[in-house]
Amino acid sequence: MRITKIIFLTILGFVIYKGYVAFTEFEIGVGDRVAILEESAGVEREGEVIGLMMYLGDPPQLKEHLYTKNKSKCLEMKQIAEETSFAYYECARVEAVLVGKKIVSIINELEILE
């Protein structure tokens, strides 16, 4: 009787653990799946994001923009880009039109990040 209780409790603990892991992974993965579905469907939305901006010309004009996850990643990419290109780059928090995790157009530049 005692061994069956131990086996039962072990199995019950394992089932609870697996349920918890499945639930947390589902919660984490939902945002990525929604972004993929929005991108494939072409759904446009507005939002504030951090982007790496590339300016060319005299006076400088915005030519390219790239969505980045966070400020540190943007600054890291900016440093690499400036070492390999003659363009002017800046990281900025912008209000933009997004499709999935891609910036389609810039509505307003809110803050330049240093």
PDB file of N, CA and C in Angstrom:
ATOM      1  N   MET A   1       0.820  -1.194   0.000  1.00  0.00           N
ATOM      2  CA  MET A   1       0.000   0.000   0.000  1.00  0.00           C
ATOM      3  C   MET A   1       0.866   1.261   0.000  1.00  0.00           C
ATOM      4  N   ARG A   2       1.931   1.239   0.768  1.00  0.00           N
ATOM      5  CA  ARG A   2       2.798   2.397   0.872  1.00  0.00           C
ATOM      6  C   ARG A   2       3.509   2.663  -0.459  1.00  0.00           C
ATOM      7  N   ILE A   3       3.940   1.633  -1.160  1.00  0.00           N
ATOM      8  CA  ILE A   3       4.631   1.787  -2.440  1.00  0.00           C
ATOM      9  C   ILE A   3       3.672   2.354  -3.486  1.00  0.00           C
ATOM     10  N   THR A   4       2.424   1.909  -3.473  1.00  0.00           N
ATOM     11  CA  THR A   4       1.453   2.441  -4.431  1.00  0.00           C
ATOM     12  C   THR A   4       1.187   3.928  -4.186  1.00  0.00           C
ATOM     13  N   LYS A   5       1.180   4.357  -2.929  1.00  0.00           N
ATOM     14  CA  LYS A   5       1.000   5.776  -2.637  1.00  0.00           C
ATOM     15  C   LYS A   5       2.170   6.584  -3.189  1.00  0.00           C
ATOM     16  N   ILE A   6       3.368   6.089  -3.002  1.00  0.00           N
ATOM     17  CA  ILE A   6       4.566   6.784  -3.499  1.00  0.00           C
ATOM     18  C   ILE A   6       4.530   6.867  -5.015  1.00  0.00           C
ATOM     19  N   ILE A   7       4.195   5.776  -5.674  1.00  0.00           N
ATOM     20  CA  ILE A   7       4.122   5.763  -7.141  1.00  0.00           C
ATOM     21  C   ILE A   7       3.023   6.718  -7.613  1.00  0.00           C
ATOM     22  N   PHE A   8       1.862   6.667  -6.969  1.00  0.00           N
ATOM     23  CA  PHE A   8       0.758   7.545  -7.337  1.00  0.00           C
ATOM     24  C   PHE A   8       1.137   9.015  -7.167  1.00  0.00           C
ATOM     25  N   LEU A   9       1.751   9.368  -6.044  1.00  0.00           N
ATOM     26  CA  LEU A   9       2.149  10.757  -5.812  1.00  0.00           C
ATOM     27  C   LEU A   9       3.220  11.207  -6.800  1.00  0.00           C
ATOM     28  N   THR A  10       4.127  10.302  -7.146  1.00  0.00           N
ATOM     29  CA  THR A  10       5.161  10.624  -8.129  1.00  0.00           C
ATOM     30  C   THR A  10       4.526  10.895  -9.494  1.00  0.00           C
ATOM     31  N   ILE A  11       3.610  10.054  -9.898  1.00  0.00           N
ATOM     32  CA  ILE A  11       2.931  10.240 -11.184  1.00  0.00           C
ATOM     33  C   ILE A  11       2.094  11.523 -11.164  1.00  0.00           C
ATOM     34  N   LEU A  12       1.390  11.767 -10.064  1.00  0.00           N
ATOM     35  CA  LEU A  12       0.598  12.984  -9.938  1.00  0.00           C
ATOM     36  C   LEU A  12       1.487  14.229 -10.014  1.00  0.00           C
ATOM     37  N   GLY A  13       2.618  14.209  -9.346  1.00  0.00           N
ATOM     38  CA  GLY A  13       3.565  15.326  -9.406  1.00  0.00           C
ATOM     39  C   GLY A  13       4.083  15.546 -10.813  1.00  0.00           C
ATOM     40  N   PHE A  14       4.374  14.461 -11.524  1.00  0.00           N
ATOM     41  CA  PHE A  14       4.862  14.563 -12.898  1.00  0.00           C
ATOM     42  C   PHE A  14       3.790  15.174 -13.806  1.00  0.00           C
ATOM     43  N   VAL A  15       2.552  14.744 -13.648  1.00  0.00           N
ATOM     44  CA  VAL A  15       1.455  15.270 -14.468  1.00  0.00           C
ATOM     45  C   VAL A  15       1.248  16.761 -14.193  1.00  0.00           C
ATOM     46  N   ILE A  16       1.301  17.163 -12.944  1.00  0.00           N
ATOM     47  CA  ILE A  16       1.164  18.580 -12.596  1.00  0.00           C
ATOM     48  C   ILE A  16       2.310  19.392 -13.189  1.00  0.00           C
ATOM     49  N   TYR A  17       3.521  18.872 -13.095  1.00  0.00           N
ATOM     50  CA  TYR A  17       4.690  19.546 -13.664  1.00  0.00           C
ATOM     51  C   TYR A  17       4.537  19.711 -15.174  1.00  0.00           C
ATOM     52  N   LYS A  18       4.138  18.651 -15.871  1.00  0.00           N
ATOM     53  CA  LYS A  18       3.978  18.713 -17.326  1.00  0.00           C
ATOM     54  C   LYS A  18       2.878  19.705 -17.706  1.00  0.00           C
ATOM     55  N   GLY A  19       1.804  19.731 -16.942  1.00  0.00           N
ATOM     56  CA  GLY A  19       0.734  20.694 -17.204  1.00  0.00           C
ATOM     57  C   GLY A  19       1.210  22.121 -17.031  1.00  0.00           C
ATOM     58  N   TYR A  20       1.989  22.381 -15.987  1.00  0.00           N
ATOM     59  CA  TYR A  20       2.532  23.715 -15.741  1.00  0.00           C
ATOM     60  C   TYR A  20       3.455  24.139 -16.874  1.00  0.00           C
ATOM     61  N   VAL A  21       4.359  23.262 -17.290  1.00  0.00           N
ATOM     62  CA  VAL A  21       5.297  23.575 -18.373  1.00  0.00           C
ATOM     63  C   VAL A  21       4.543  23.848 -19.669  1.00  0.00           C
ATOM     64  N   ALA A  22       3.552  23.021 -19.984  1.00  0.00           N
ATOM     65  CA  ALA A  22       2.774  23.223 -21.210  1.00  0.00           C
ATOM     66  C   ALA A  22       2.044  24.563 -21.176  1.00  0.00           C
ATOM     67  N   PHE A  23       1.487  24.925 -20.034  1.00  0.00           N
ATOM     68  CA  PHE A  23       0.763  26.191 -19.902  1.00  0.00           C
ATOM     69  C   PHE A  23       1.697  27.375 -20.063  1.00  0.00           C
ATOM     70  N   THR A  24       2.845  27.370 -19.403  1.00  0.00           N
ATOM     71  CA  THR A  24       3.765  28.505 -19.496  1.00  0.00           C
ATOM     72  C   THR A  24       4.358  28.632 -20.886  1.00  0.00           C
ATOM     73  N   GLU A  25       4.686  27.534 -21.541  1.00  0.00           N
ATOM     74  CA  GLU A  25       5.213  27.615 -22.903  1.00  0.00           C
ATOM     75  C   GLU A  25       4.150  28.122 -23.855  1.00  0.00           C
ATOM     76  N   PHE A  26       2.912  27.753 -23.634  1.00  0.00           N
ATOM     77  CA  PHE A  26       1.818  28.248 -24.467  1.00  0.00           C
ATOM     78  C   PHE A  26       1.690  29.757 -24.314  1.00  0.00           C
ATOM     79  N   GLU A  27       1.753  30.247 -23.089  1.00  0.00           N
ATOM     80  CA  GLU A  27       1.629  31.677 -22.846  1.00  0.00           C
ATOM     81  C   GLU A  27       2.764  32.446 -23.507  1.00  0.00           C
ATOM     82  N   ILE A  28       3.982  31.931 -23.446  1.00  0.00           N
ATOM     83  CA  ILE A  28       5.130  32.608 -24.030  1.00  0.00           C
ATOM     84  C   ILE A  28       5.055  32.589 -25.546  1.00  0.00           C
ATOM     85  N   GLY A  29       4.659  31.479 -26.125  1.00  0.00           N
ATOM     86  CA  GLY A  29       4.651  31.335 -27.570  1.00  0.00           C
ATOM     87  C   GLY A  29       3.491  32.006 -28.278  1.00  0.00           C
ATOM     88  N   VAL A  30       2.457  32.405 -27.570  1.00  0.00           N
ATOM     89  CA  VAL A  30       1.274  32.981 -28.213  1.00  0.00           C
ATOM     90  C   VAL A  30       1.610  34.287 -28.914  1.00  0.00           C
ATOM     91  N   GLY A  31       2.377  35.152 -28.280  1.00  0.00           N
ATOM     92  CA  GLY A  31       2.723  36.437 -28.888  1.00  0.00           C
ATOM     93  C   GLY A  31       3.469  36.271 -30.192  1.00  0.00           C
ATOM     94  N   ASP A  32       4.398  35.329 -30.241  1.00  0.00           N
ATOM     95  CA  ASP A  32       5.138  35.079 -31.472  1.00  0.00           C
ATOM     96  C   ASP A  32       4.228  34.527 -32.558  1.00  0.00           C
ATOM     97  N   ARG A  33       3.333  33.627 -32.181  1.00  0.00           N
ATOM     98  CA  ARG A  33       2.412  33.059 -33.171  1.00  0.00           C
ATOM     99  C   ARG A  33       1.449  34.103 -33.705  1.00  0.00           C
ATOM    100  N   VAL A  34       0.996  35.012 -32.850  1.00  0.00           N
ATOM    101  CA  VAL A  34       0.104  36.086 -33.297  1.00  0.00           C
ATOM    102  C   VAL A  34       0.832  36.979 -34.287  1.00  0.00           C
ATOM    103  N   ALA A  35       2.098  37.308 -34.003  1.00  0.00           N
ATOM    104  CA  ALA A  35       2.882  38.153 -34.913  1.00  0.00           C
ATOM    105  C   ALA A  35       3.064  37.464 -36.264  1.00  0.00           C
ATOM    106  N   ILE A  36       3.300  36.166 -36.266  1.00  0.00           N
ATOM    107  CA  ILE A  36       3.466  35.426 -37.519  1.00  0.00           C
ATOM    108  C   ILE A  36       2.164  35.430 -38.314  1.00  0.00           C
ATOM    109  N   LEU A  37       1.037  35.218 -37.630  1.00  0.00           N
ATOM    110  CA  LEU A  37      -0.261  35.230 -38.311  1.00  0.00           C
ATOM    111  C   LEU A  37      -0.592  36.616 -38.857  1.00  0.00           C
ATOM    112  N   GLU A  38      -0.309  37.659 -38.072  1.00  0.00           N
ATOM    113  CA  GLU A  38      -0.560  39.015 -38.543  1.00  0.00           C
ATOM    114  C   GLU A  38       0.285  39.332 -39.769  1.00  0.00           C
ATOM    115  N   GLU A  39       1.543  38.901 -39.730  1.00  0.00           N
ATOM    116  CA  GLU A  39       2.443  39.162 -40.845  1.00  0.00           C
ATOM    117  C   GLU A  39       1.972  38.446 -42.102  1.00  0.00           C
ATOM    118  N   SER A  40       1.589  37.192 -41.974  1.00  0.00           N
ATOM    119  CA  SER A  40       1.137  36.443 -43.150  1.00  0.00           C
ATOM    120  C   SER A  40      -0.191  36.969 -43.679  1.00  0.00           C
ATOM    121  N   ALA A  41      -1.040  37.508 -42.809  1.00  0.00           N
ATOM    122  CA  ALA A  41      -2.321  38.060 -43.238  1.00  0.00           C
ATOM    123  C   ALA A  41      -2.192  39.505 -43.705  1.00  0.00           C
ATOM    124  N   GLY A  42      -1.074  40.142 -43.410  1.00  0.00           N
ATOM    125  CA  GLY A  42      -0.866  41.532 -43.815  1.00  0.00           C
ATOM    126  C   GLY A  42      -1.619  42.526 -42.960  1.00  0.00           C
ATOM    127  N   VAL A  43      -1.882  42.186 -41.712  1.00  0.00           N
ATOM    128  CA  VAL A  43      -2.605  43.074 -40.808  1.00  0.00           C
ATOM    129  C   VAL A  43      -1.672  44.195 -40.346  1.00  0.00           C
ATOM    130  N   GLU A  44      -2.101  45.425 -40.583  1.00  0.00           N
ATOM    131  CA  GLU A  44      -1.306  46.576 -40.154  1.00  0.00           C
ATOM    132  C   GLU A  44      -1.843  47.081 -38.819  1.00  0.00           C
ATOM    133  N   ARG A  45      -0.909  47.493 -37.959  1.00  0.00           N
ATOM    134  CA  ARG A  45      -1.290  48.080 -36.686  1.00  0.00           C
ATOM    135  C   ARG A  45      -0.280  49.165 -36.350  1.00  0.00           C
ATOM    136  N   GLU A  46      -0.681  50.071 -35.486  1.00  0.00           N
ATOM    137  CA  GLU A  46       0.215  51.135 -35.042  1.00  0.00           C
ATOM    138  C   GLU A  46       0.721  50.810 -33.656  1.00  0.00           C
ATOM    139  N   GLY A  47       1.985  51.165 -33.388  1.00  0.00           N
ATOM    140  CA  GLY A  47       2.534  50.930 -32.069  1.00  0.00           C
ATOM    141  C   GLY A  47       3.861  51.638 -31.885  1.00  0.00           C
ATOM    142  N   GLU A  48       4.287  51.681 -30.632  1.00  0.00           N
ATOM    143  CA  GLU A  48       5.595  52.259 -30.302  1.00  0.00           C
ATOM    144  C   GLU A  48       6.614  51.143 -30.244  1.00  0.00           C
ATOM    145  N   VAL A  49       7.697  51.302 -30.988  1.00  0.00           N
ATOM    146  CA  VAL A  49       8.770  50.308 -31.020  1.00  0.00           C
ATOM    147  C   VAL A  49      10.113  51.029 -31.036  1.00  0.00           C
ATOM    148  N   ILE A  50      11.158  50.264 -30.840  1.00  0.00           N
ATOM    149  CA  ILE A  50      12.516  50.782 -30.975  1.00  0.00           C
ATOM    150  C   ILE A  50      13.031  50.330 -32.331  1.00  0.00           C
ATOM    151  N   GLY A  51      13.555  51.281 -33.093  1.00  0.00           N
ATOM    152  CA  GLY A  51      14.015  50.963 -34.434  1.00  0.00           C
ATOM    153  C   GLY A  51      15.377  51.556 -34.716  1.00  0.00           C
ATOM    154  N   LEU A  52      16.102  50.893 -35.591  1.00  0.00           N
ATOM    155  CA  LEU A  52      17.392  51.383 -36.078  1.00  0.00           C
ATOM    156  C   LEU A  52      17.121  52.116 -37.384  1.00  0.00           C
ATOM    157  N   MET A  53      17.442  53.407 -37.426  1.00  0.00           N
ATOM    158  CA  MET A  53      17.160  54.248 -38.590  1.00  0.00           C
ATOM    159  C   MET A  53      18.447  54.516 -39.357  1.00  0.00           C
ATOM    160  N   MET A  54      18.374  54.444 -40.693  1.00  0.00           N
ATOM    161  CA  MET A  54      19.525  54.743 -41.542  1.00  0.00           C
ATOM    162  C   MET A  54      19.196  55.982 -42.368  1.00  0.00           C
ATOM    163  N   TYR A  55      20.074  56.981 -42.292  1.00  0.00           N
ATOM    164  CA  TYR A  55      19.898  58.224 -43.025  1.00  0.00           C
ATOM    165  C   TYR A  55      21.004  58.357 -44.062  1.00  0.00           C
ATOM    166  N   LEU A  56      20.640  58.808 -45.270  1.00  0.00           N
ATOM    167  CA  LEU A  56      21.593  59.050 -46.351  1.00  0.00           C
ATOM    168  C   LEU A  56      21.349  60.425 -46.941  1.00  0.00           C
ATOM    169  N   GLY A  57      22.380  60.982 -47.555  1.00  0.00           N
ATOM    170  CA  GLY A  57      22.242  62.229 -48.285  1.00  0.00           C
ATOM    171  C   GLY A  57      22.603  63.446 -47.471  1.00  0.00           C
ATOM    172  N   ASP A  58      22.530  64.606 -48.186  1.00  0.00           N
ATOM    173  CA  ASP A  58      22.804  65.874 -47.544  1.00  0.00           C
ATOM    174  C   ASP A  58      21.717  66.840 -47.973  1.00  0.00           C
ATOM    175  N   PRO A  59      20.765  67.205 -47.221  1.00  0.00           N
ATOM    176  CA  PRO A  59      20.527  66.869 -45.823  1.00  0.00           C
ATOM    177  C   PRO A  59      20.097  65.403 -45.664  1.00  0.00           C
ATOM    178  N   PRO A  60      20.378  64.830 -44.500  1.00  0.00           N
ATOM    179  CA  PRO A  60      20.063  63.416 -44.284  1.00  0.00           C
ATOM    180  C   PRO A  60      18.564  63.125 -44.417  1.00  0.00           C
ATOM    181  N   GLN A  61      18.260  62.070 -45.163  1.00  0.00           N
ATOM    182  CA  GLN A  61      16.880  61.625 -45.314  1.00  0.00           C
ATOM    183  C   GLN A  61      16.795  60.167 -44.884  1.00  0.00           C
ATOM    184  N   LEU A  62      15.700  59.835 -44.206  1.00  0.00           N
ATOM    185  CA  LEU A  62      15.487  58.468 -43.751  1.00  0.00           C
ATOM    186  C   LEU A  62      15.306  57.554 -44.957  1.00  0.00           C
ATOM    187  N   LYS A  63      16.154  56.536 -45.072  1.00  0.00           N
ATOM    188  CA  LYS A  63      16.091  55.599 -46.191  1.00  0.00           C
ATOM    189  C   LYS A  63      15.651  54.210 -45.762  1.00  0.00           C
ATOM    190  N   GLU A  64      16.058  53.770 -44.589  1.00  0.00           N
ATOM    191  CA  GLU A  64      15.735  52.428 -44.106  1.00  0.00           C
ATOM    192  C   GLU A  64      15.409  52.484 -42.622  1.00  0.00           C
ATOM    193  N   HIS A  65      14.636  51.509 -42.167  1.00  0.00           N
ATOM    194  CA  HIS A  65      14.332  51.368 -40.745  1.00  0.00           C
ATOM    195  C   HIS A  65      14.190  49.894 -40.439  1.00  0.00           C
ATOM    196  N   LEU A  66      14.601  49.522 -39.238  1.00  0.00           N
ATOM    197  CA  LEU A  66      14.615  48.116 -38.841  1.00  0.00           C
ATOM    198  C   LEU A  66      14.103  47.985 -37.409  1.00  0.00           C
ATOM    199  N   TYR A  67      13.143  47.089 -37.215  1.00  0.00           N
ATOM    200  CA  TYR A  67      12.596  46.799 -35.892  1.00  0.00           C
ATOM    201  C   TYR A  67      13.662  46.090 -35.048  1.00  0.00           C
ATOM    202  N   THR A  68      13.829  46.508 -33.793  1.00  0.00           N
ATOM    203  CA  THR A  68      14.735  45.817 -32.881  1.00  0.00           C
ATOM    204  C   THR A  68      13.995  45.482 -31.591  1.00  0.00           C
ATOM    205  N   LYS A  69      14.470  44.448 -30.900  1.00  0.00           N
ATOM    206  CA  LYS A  69      13.804  43.968 -29.687  1.00  0.00           C
ATOM    207  C   LYS A  69      13.906  44.954 -28.536  1.00  0.00           C
ATOM    208  N   ASN A  70      15.108  45.528 -28.360  1.00  0.00           N
ATOM    209  CA  ASN A  70      15.309  46.405 -27.213  1.00  0.00           C
ATOM    210  C   ASN A  70      16.417  47.415 -27.510  1.00  0.00           C
ATOM    211  N   LYS A  71      16.646  48.324 -26.575  1.00  0.00           N
ATOM    212  CA  LYS A  71      17.613  49.397 -26.748  1.00  0.00           C
ATOM    213  C   LYS A  71      19.036  48.864 -26.902  1.00  0.00           C
ATOM    214  N   SER A  72      19.425  47.909 -26.073  1.00  0.00           N
ATOM    215  CA  SER A  72      20.801  47.406 -26.129  1.00  0.00           C
ATOM    216  C   SER A  72      21.092  46.710 -27.460  1.00  0.00           C
ATOM    217  N   LYS A  73      20.121  45.954 -27.986  1.00  0.00           N
ATOM    218  CA  LYS A  73      20.307  45.291 -29.284  1.00  0.00           C
ATOM    219  C   LYS A  73      20.421  46.333 -30.391  1.00  0.00           C
ATOM    220  N   CYS A  74      19.628  47.380 -30.315  1.00  0.00           N
ATOM    221  CA  CYS A  74      19.675  48.436 -31.316  1.00  0.00           C
ATOM    222  C   CYS A  74      21.029  49.146 -31.311  1.00  0.00           C
ATOM    223  N   LEU A  75      21.514  49.476 -30.110  1.00  0.00           N
ATOM    224  CA  LEU A  75      22.808  50.163 -30.019  1.00  0.00           C
ATOM    225  C   LEU A  75      23.953  49.279 -30.507  1.00  0.00           C
ATOM    226  N   GLU A  76      23.850  47.991 -30.244  1.00  0.00           N
ATOM    227  CA  GLU A  76      24.860  47.048 -30.729  1.00  0.00           C
ATOM    228  C   GLU A  76      24.846  46.997 -32.259  1.00  0.00           C
ATOM    229  N   MET A  77      23.673  46.926 -32.854  1.00  0.00           N
ATOM    230  CA  MET A  77      23.552  46.885 -34.312  1.00  0.00           C
ATOM    231  C   MET A  77      24.001  48.204 -34.930  1.00  0.00           C
ATOM    232  N   LYS A  78      23.729  49.314 -34.257  1.00  0.00           N
ATOM    233  CA  LYS A  78      24.149  50.629 -34.743  1.00  0.00           C
ATOM    234  C   LYS A  78      25.669  50.707 -34.823  1.00  0.00           C
ATOM    235  N   GLN A  79      26.337  50.227 -33.794  1.00  0.00           N
ATOM    236  CA  GLN A  79      27.804  50.261 -33.774  1.00  0.00           C
ATOM    237  C   GLN A  79      28.377  49.442 -34.934  1.00  0.00           C
ATOM    238  N   ILE A  80      27.855  48.260 -35.162  1.00  0.00           N
ATOM    239  CA  ILE A  80      28.325  47.412 -36.259  1.00  0.00           C
ATOM    240  C   ILE A  80      28.061  48.090 -37.606  1.00  0.00           C
ATOM    241  N   ALA A  81      26.877  48.676 -37.764  1.00  0.00           N
ATOM    242  CA  ALA A  81      26.517  49.328 -39.029  1.00  0.00           C
ATOM    243  C   ALA A  81      27.415  50.525 -39.312  1.00  0.00           C
ATOM    244  N   GLU A  82      27.725  51.322 -38.298  1.00  0.00           N
ATOM    245  CA  GLU A  82      28.568  52.497 -38.502  1.00  0.00           C
ATOM    246  C   GLU A  82      29.998  52.115 -38.858  1.00  0.00           C
ATOM    247  N   GLU A  83      30.453  50.962 -38.383  1.00  0.00           N
ATOM    248  CA  GLU A  83      31.801  50.509 -38.706  1.00  0.00           C
ATOM    249  C   GLU A  83      31.904  50.018 -40.146  1.00  0.00           C
ATOM    250  N   THR A  84      30.796  49.589 -40.734  1.00  0.00           N
ATOM    251  CA  THR A  84      30.838  48.978 -42.067  1.00  0.00           C
ATOM    252  C   THR A  84      30.163  49.825 -43.140  1.00  0.00           C
ATOM    253  N   SER A  85      29.715  51.037 -42.806  1.00  0.00           N
ATOM    254  CA  SER A  85      28.973  51.846 -43.770  1.00  0.00           C
ATOM    255  C   SER A  85      29.282  53.322 -43.562  1.00  0.00           C
ATOM    256  N   PHE A  86      28.988  54.124 -44.586  1.00  0.00           N
ATOM    257  CA  PHE A  86      29.195  55.564 -44.494  1.00  0.00           C
ATOM    258  C   PHE A  86      27.906  56.309 -44.179  1.00  0.00           C
ATOM    259  N   ALA A  87      26.831  55.606 -43.971  1.00  0.00           N
ATOM    260  CA  ALA A  87      25.542  56.224 -43.658  1.00  0.00           C
ATOM    261  C   ALA A  87      25.515  56.651 -42.188  1.00  0.00           C
ATOM    262  N   TYR A  88      24.533  57.503 -41.862  1.00  0.00           N
ATOM    263  CA  TYR A  88      24.323  57.928 -40.487  1.00  0.00           C
ATOM    264  C   TYR A  88      23.216  57.063 -39.894  1.00  0.00           C
ATOM    265  N   TYR A  89      23.470  56.493 -38.723  1.00  0.00           N
ATOM    266  CA  TYR A  89      22.501  55.617 -38.060  1.00  0.00           C
ATOM    267  C   TYR A  89      22.133  56.188 -36.704  1.00  0.00           C
ATOM    268  N   GLU A  90      20.877  55.944 -36.296  1.00  0.00           N
ATOM    269  CA  GLU A  90      20.460  56.290 -34.950  1.00  0.00           C
ATOM    270  C   GLU A  90      19.400  55.309 -34.468  1.00  0.00           C
ATOM    271  N   CYS A  91      19.405  55.090 -33.164  1.00  0.00           N
ATOM    272  CA  CYS A  91      18.375  54.264 -32.538  1.00  0.00           C
ATOM    273  C   CYS A  91      17.326  55.224 -31.982  1.00  0.00           C
ATOM    274  N   ALA A  92      16.070  54.893 -32.211  1.00  0.00           N
ATOM    275  CA  ALA A  92      15.011  55.787 -31.770  1.00  0.00           C
ATOM    276  C   ALA A  92      13.780  54.992 -31.354  1.00  0.00           C
ATOM    277  N   ARG A  93      13.064  55.560 -30.410  1.00  0.00           N
ATOM    278  CA  ARG A  93      11.741  55.029 -30.063  1.00  0.00           C
ATOM    279  C   ARG A  93      10.777  55.768 -30.971  1.00  0.00           C
ATOM    280  N   VAL A  94      10.054  55.011 -31.784  1.00  0.00           N
ATOM    281  CA  VAL A  94       9.199  55.614 -32.801  1.00  0.00           C
ATOM    282  C   VAL A  94       7.780  55.069 -32.720  1.00  0.00           C
ATOM    283  N   GLU A  95       6.860  55.873 -33.207  1.00  0.00           N
ATOM    284  CA  GLU A  95       5.496  55.408 -33.423  1.00  0.00           C
ATOM    285  C   GLU A  95       5.455  55.011 -34.897  1.00  0.00           C
ATOM    286  N   ALA A  96       5.088  53.754 -35.156  1.00  0.00           N
ATOM    287  CA  ALA A  96       5.194  53.245 -36.515  1.00  0.00           C
ATOM    288  C   ALA A  96       4.008  52.373 -36.883  1.00  0.00           C
ATOM    289  N   VAL A  97       3.848  52.178 -38.189  1.00  0.00           N
ATOM    290  CA  VAL A  97       2.893  51.213 -38.708  1.00  0.00           C
ATOM    291  C   VAL A  97       3.650  49.897 -38.846  1.00  0.00           C
ATOM    292  N   LEU A  98       3.107  48.847 -38.229  1.00  0.00           N
ATOM    293  CA  LEU A  98       3.780  47.559 -38.185  1.00  0.00           C
ATOM    294  C   LEU A  98       2.942  46.494 -38.879  1.00  0.00           C
ATOM    295  N   VAL A  99       3.636  45.564 -39.526  1.00  0.00           N
ATOM    296  CA  VAL A  99       3.023  44.336 -40.021  1.00  0.00           C
ATOM    297  C   VAL A  99       3.838  43.213 -39.405  1.00  0.00           C
ATOM    298  N   GLY A 100       3.241  42.493 -38.448  1.00  0.00           N
ATOM    299  CA  GLY A 100       4.002  41.500 -37.696  1.00  0.00           C
ATOM    300  C   GLY A 100       5.055  42.202 -36.869  1.00  0.00           C
ATOM    301  N   LYS A 101       6.316  41.832 -37.101  1.00  0.00           N
ATOM    302  CA  LYS A 101       7.432  42.490 -36.413  1.00  0.00           C
ATOM    303  C   LYS A 101       8.296  43.251 -37.409  1.00  0.00           C
ATOM    304  N   LYS A 102       7.659  43.848 -38.413  1.00  0.00           N
ATOM    305  CA  LYS A 102       8.357  44.647 -39.406  1.00  0.00           C
ATOM    306  C   LYS A 102       7.757  46.044 -39.432  1.00  0.00           C
ATOM    307  N   ILE A 103       8.636  47.034 -39.510  1.00  0.00           N
ATOM    308  CA  ILE A 103       8.193  48.418 -39.606  1.00  0.00           C
ATOM    309  C   ILE A 103       7.879  48.709 -41.068  1.00  0.00           C
ATOM    310  N   VAL A 104       6.646  49.144 -41.341  1.00  0.00           N
ATOM    311  CA  VAL A 104       6.251  49.502 -42.696  1.00  0.00           C
ATOM    312  C   VAL A 104       6.540  50.976 -42.949  1.00  0.00           C
ATOM    313  N   SER A 105       6.149  51.832 -41.997  1.00  0.00           N
ATOM    314  CA  SER A 105       6.424  53.257 -42.126  1.00  0.00           C
ATOM    315  C   SER A 105       6.498  53.892 -40.744  1.00  0.00           C
ATOM    316  N   ILE A 106       7.199  55.011 -40.689  1.00  0.00           N
ATOM    317  CA  ILE A 106       7.379  55.759 -39.454  1.00  0.00           C
ATOM    318  C   ILE A 106       6.345  56.872 -39.407  1.00  0.00           C
ATOM    319  N   ILE A 107       5.573  56.940 -38.336  1.00  0.00           N
ATOM    320  CA  ILE A 107       4.586  58.000 -38.168  1.00  0.00           C
ATOM    321  C   ILE A 107       5.227  59.187 -37.456  1.00  0.00           C
ATOM    322  N   ASN A 108       5.956  58.893 -36.354  1.00  0.00           N
ATOM    323  CA  ASN A 108       6.511  59.961 -35.542  1.00  0.00           C
ATOM    324  C   ASN A 108       7.723  59.428 -34.786  1.00  0.00           C
ATOM    325  N   GLU A 109       8.795  60.192 -34.765  1.00  0.00           N
ATOM    326  CA  GLU A 109       9.973  59.839 -33.986  1.00  0.00           C
ATOM    327  C   GLU A 109       9.807  60.441 -32.601  1.00  0.00           C
ATOM    328  N   LEU A 110       9.718  59.587 -31.578  1.00  0.00           N
ATOM    329  CA  LEU A 110       9.410  60.053 -30.228  1.00  0.00           C
ATOM    330  C   LEU A 110      10.645  60.418 -29.416  1.00  0.00           C
ATOM    331  N   GLU A 111      11.696  59.590 -29.516  1.00  0.00           N
ATOM    332  CA  GLU A 111      12.882  59.815 -28.680  1.00  0.00           C
ATOM    333  C   GLU A 111      14.087  59.166 -29.332  1.00  0.00           C
ATOM    334  N   ILE A 112      15.206  59.884 -29.353  1.00  0.00           N
ATOM    335  CA  ILE A 112      16.461  59.316 -29.846  1.00  0.00           C
ATOM    336  C   ILE A 112      17.183  58.689 -28.672  1.00  0.00           C
ATOM    337  N   LEU A 113      17.619  57.434 -28.854  1.00  0.00           N
ATOM    338  CA  LEU A 113      18.266  56.688 -27.781  1.00  0.00           C
ATOM    339  C   LEU A 113      19.780  56.745 -27.939  1.00  0.00           C
ATOM    340  N   GLU A 114      20.470  56.975 -26.851  1.00  0.00           N
ATOM    341  CA  GLU A 114      21.946  57.048 -26.861  1.00  0.00           C
ATOM    342  C   GLU A 114      22.532  55.899 -26.083  1.00  0.00           C
TER     343      GLU A 114
END
